[in-house]
C-alpha atoms as a PDB file:
ATOM      1  CA  UNK A   1      71.146 -13.047  80.001  1.00  0.00           C
ATOM      2  CA  UNK A   2      69.783 -16.522  79.301  1.00  0.00           C
ATOM      3  CA  UNK A   3      67.843 -19.031  81.193  1.00  0.00           C
ATOM      4  CA  UNK A   4      67.109 -22.725  81.136  1.00  0.00           C
ATOM      5  CA  UNK A   5      63.827 -23.742  79.706  1.00  0.00           C
ATOM      6  CA  UNK A   6      61.852 -27.082  79.847  1.00  0.00           C
ATOM      7  CA  UNK A   7      61.498 -26.865  75.881  1.00  0.00           C
ATOM      8  CA  UNK A   8      63.992 -28.183  73.322  1.00  0.00           C
ATOM      9  CA  UNK A   9      64.698 -24.897  71.910  1.00  0.00           C
ATOM     10  CA  UNK A  10      64.474 -21.289  73.448  1.00  0.00           C
ATOM     11  CA  UNK A  11      65.045 -18.025  72.530  1.00  0.00           C
ATOM     12  CA  UNK A  12      67.692 -15.987  74.368  1.00  0.00           C
ATOM     13  CA  UNK A  13      67.681 -12.534  74.669  1.00  0.00           C
ATOM     14  CA  UNK A  14      69.333 -11.762  71.682  1.00  0.00           C
ATOM     15  CA  UNK A  15      67.286 -13.883  69.462  1.00  0.00           C
ATOM     16  CA  UNK A  16      69.324 -16.952  68.381  1.00  0.00           C
ATOM     17  CA  UNK A  17      67.855 -20.066  69.426  1.00  0.00           C
ATOM     18  CA  UNK A  18      70.095 -22.466  71.176  1.00  0.00           C
ATOM     19  CA  UNK A  19      69.533 -26.282  72.420  1.00  0.00           C
ATOM     20  CA  UNK A  20      69.385 -27.310  75.780  1.00  0.00           C
ATOM     21  CA  UNK A  21      70.442 -30.785  76.820  1.00  0.00           C
ATOM     22  CA  UNK A  22      67.845 -33.355  77.414  1.00  0.00           C
ATOM     23  CA  UNK A  23      68.655 -34.226  80.807  1.00  0.00           C
ATOM     24  CA  UNK A  24      67.690 -30.482  81.689  1.00  0.00           C
ATOM     25  CA  UNK A  25      64.456 -30.878  79.529  1.00  0.00           C
ATOM     26  CA  UNK A  26      63.077 -34.028  80.142  1.00  0.00           C
ATOM     27  CA  UNK A  27      64.856 -35.542  83.712  1.00  0.00           C
ATOM     28  CA  UNK A  28      64.708 -39.339  83.378  1.00  0.00           C
ATOM     29  CA  UNK A  29      66.186 -40.048  86.750  1.00  0.00           C
ATOM     30  CA  UNK A  30      64.747 -41.375  90.171  1.00  0.00           C
ATOM     31  CA  UNK A  31      65.851 -38.318  92.148  1.00  0.00           C
ATOM     32  CA  UNK A  32      64.614 -34.834  90.595  1.00  0.00           C
ATOM     33  CA  UNK A  33      64.160 -31.376  92.397  1.00  0.00           C
ATOM     34  CA  UNK A  34      61.679 -28.293  90.736  1.00  0.00           C
ATOM     35  CA  UNK A  35      63.111 -24.583  91.433  1.00  0.00           C
ATOM     36  CA  UNK A  36      60.763 -22.282  93.321  1.00  0.00           C
ATOM     37  CA  UNK A  37      62.810 -19.299  91.792  1.00  0.00           C
ATOM     38  CA  UNK A  38      65.458 -18.508  89.408  1.00  0.00           C
ATOM     39  CA  UNK A  39      68.773 -20.969  90.715  1.00  0.00           C
ATOM     40  CA  UNK A  40      72.481 -20.555  89.733  1.00  0.00           C
ATOM     41  CA  UNK A  41      74.722 -22.707  89.296  1.00  0.00           C
ATOM     42  CA  UNK A  42      77.977 -23.153  91.795  1.00  0.00           C
ATOM     43  CA  UNK A  43      80.711 -24.839  91.634  1.00  0.00           C
ATOM     44  CA  UNK A  44      82.340 -27.110  94.247  1.00  0.00           C
ATOM     45  CA  UNK A  45      83.949 -24.094  95.659  1.00  0.00           C
ATOM     46  CA  UNK A  46      80.996 -22.692  95.980  1.00  0.00           C
ATOM     47  CA  UNK A  47      81.763 -19.645  93.386  1.00  0.00           C
ATOM     48  CA  UNK A  48      78.750 -19.040  90.805  1.00  0.00           C
ATOM     49  CA  UNK A  49      79.283 -20.500  87.369  1.00  0.00           C
ATOM     50  CA  UNK A  50      78.822 -18.276  84.788  1.00  0.00           C
ATOM     51  CA  UNK A  51      78.312 -20.418  81.984  1.00  0.00           C
ATOM     52  CA  UNK A  52      76.642 -23.776  82.818  1.00  0.00           C
ATOM     53  CA  UNK A  53      75.607 -25.549  79.728  1.00  0.00           C
ATOM     54  CA  UNK A  54      75.654 -22.060  78.142  1.00  0.00           C
ATOM     55  CA  UNK A  55      73.299 -20.108  80.662  1.00  0.00           C
ATOM     56  CA  UNK A  56      74.242 -18.272  83.617  1.00  0.00           C
ATOM     57  CA  UNK A  57      71.373 -19.313  85.652  1.00  0.00           C
ATOM     58  CA  UNK A  58      68.103 -21.690  85.845  1.00  0.00           C
ATOM     59  CA  UNK A  59      64.649 -20.367  85.501  1.00  0.00           C
ATOM     60  CA  UNK A  60      62.230 -21.026  87.873  1.00  0.00           C
ATOM     61  CA  UNK A  61      59.853 -24.115  87.640  1.00  0.00           C
ATOM     62  CA  UNK A  62      62.572 -25.973  85.978  1.00  0.00           C
ATOM     63  CA  UNK A  63      62.826 -29.833  86.867  1.00  0.00           C
ATOM     64  CA  UNK A  64      66.256 -31.236  87.289  1.00  0.00           C
ATOM     65  CA  UNK A  65      68.171 -34.451  87.837  1.00  0.00           C
ATOM     66  CA  UNK A  66      69.884 -34.249  90.752  1.00  0.00           C
ATOM     67  CA  UNK A  67      72.831 -36.865  92.252  1.00  0.00           C
ATOM     68  CA  UNK A  68      72.871 -36.067  95.772  1.00  0.00           C
ATOM     69  CA  UNK A  69      73.660 -33.362  98.283  1.00  0.00           C
ATOM     70  CA  UNK A  70      76.712 -31.674  99.305  1.00  0.00           C
ATOM     71  CA  UNK A  71      77.924 -29.049 102.036  1.00  0.00           C
ATOM     72  CA  UNK A  72      80.307 -26.375 100.736  1.00  0.00           C
ATOM     73  CA  UNK A  73      81.205 -23.271 102.952  1.00  0.00           C
ATOM     74  CA  UNK A  74      78.400 -24.314 105.187  1.00  0.00           C
ATOM     75  CA  UNK A  75      75.384 -23.925 103.036  1.00  0.00           C
ATOM     76  CA  UNK A  76      73.642 -27.244 101.718  1.00  0.00           C
ATOM     77  CA  UNK A  77      74.013 -27.517  97.876  1.00  0.00           C
ATOM     78  CA  UNK A  78      72.031 -30.312  95.518  1.00  0.00           C
ATOM     79  CA  UNK A  79      74.642 -31.840  92.858  1.00  0.00           C
ATOM     80  CA  UNK A  80      72.843 -31.860  89.448  1.00  0.00           C
ATOM     81  CA  UNK A  81      75.882 -33.193  87.475  1.00  0.00           C
ATOM     82  CA  UNK A  82      78.797 -31.225  85.083  1.00  0.00           C
ATOM     83  CA  UNK A  83      80.425 -30.255  88.089  1.00  0.00           C
ATOM     84  CA  UNK A  84      77.283 -27.855  89.032  1.00  0.00           C
ATOM     85  CA  UNK A  85      75.166 -27.622  91.966  1.00  0.00           C
ATOM     86  CA  UNK A  86      72.554 -25.253  93.309  1.00  0.00           C
ATOM     87  CA  UNK A  87      71.592 -23.946  96.696  1.00  0.00           C
ATOM     88  CA  UNK A  88      68.935 -26.086  98.523  1.00  0.00           C
ATOM     89  CA  UNK A  89      66.993 -22.779  99.166  1.00  0.00           C
ATOM     90  CA  UNK A  90      65.972 -22.845  95.846  1.00  0.00           C
ATOM     91  CA  UNK A  91      64.450 -25.988  95.453  1.00  0.00           C
ATOM     92  CA  UNK A  92      60.384 -26.429  95.888  1.00  0.00           C
ATOM     93  CA  UNK A  93      59.977 -29.882  95.365  1.00  0.00           C
ATOM     94  CA  UNK A  94      61.899 -32.941  95.712  1.00  0.00           C
ATOM     95  CA  UNK A  95      61.061 -36.337  93.917  1.00  0.00           C
ATOM     96  CA  UNK A  96      62.526 -39.627  94.977  1.00  0.00           C
ATOM     97  CA  UNK A  97      60.847 -42.472  93.190  1.00  0.00           C
END
């Protein structure tokens, strides 16, 4: 079970190193969100994604770009790109510059 870190390289539980995309480690967009706890990525149908960019969860405190909101099965989600969404309740801080 890995998680996305804010560095360029992370060490997974099995000891292997894995690169993290720059858009996840260093958000550059105007609209960013900061996660309040571990967040699971969901697809457009509201099902949890088991392998989002090589990970099954996103670590607390991670800053991500977001591209709007979407209501899925009565719940609100932030669109974080690549067909993935995080639940709005997992977000601590929203920045709109």
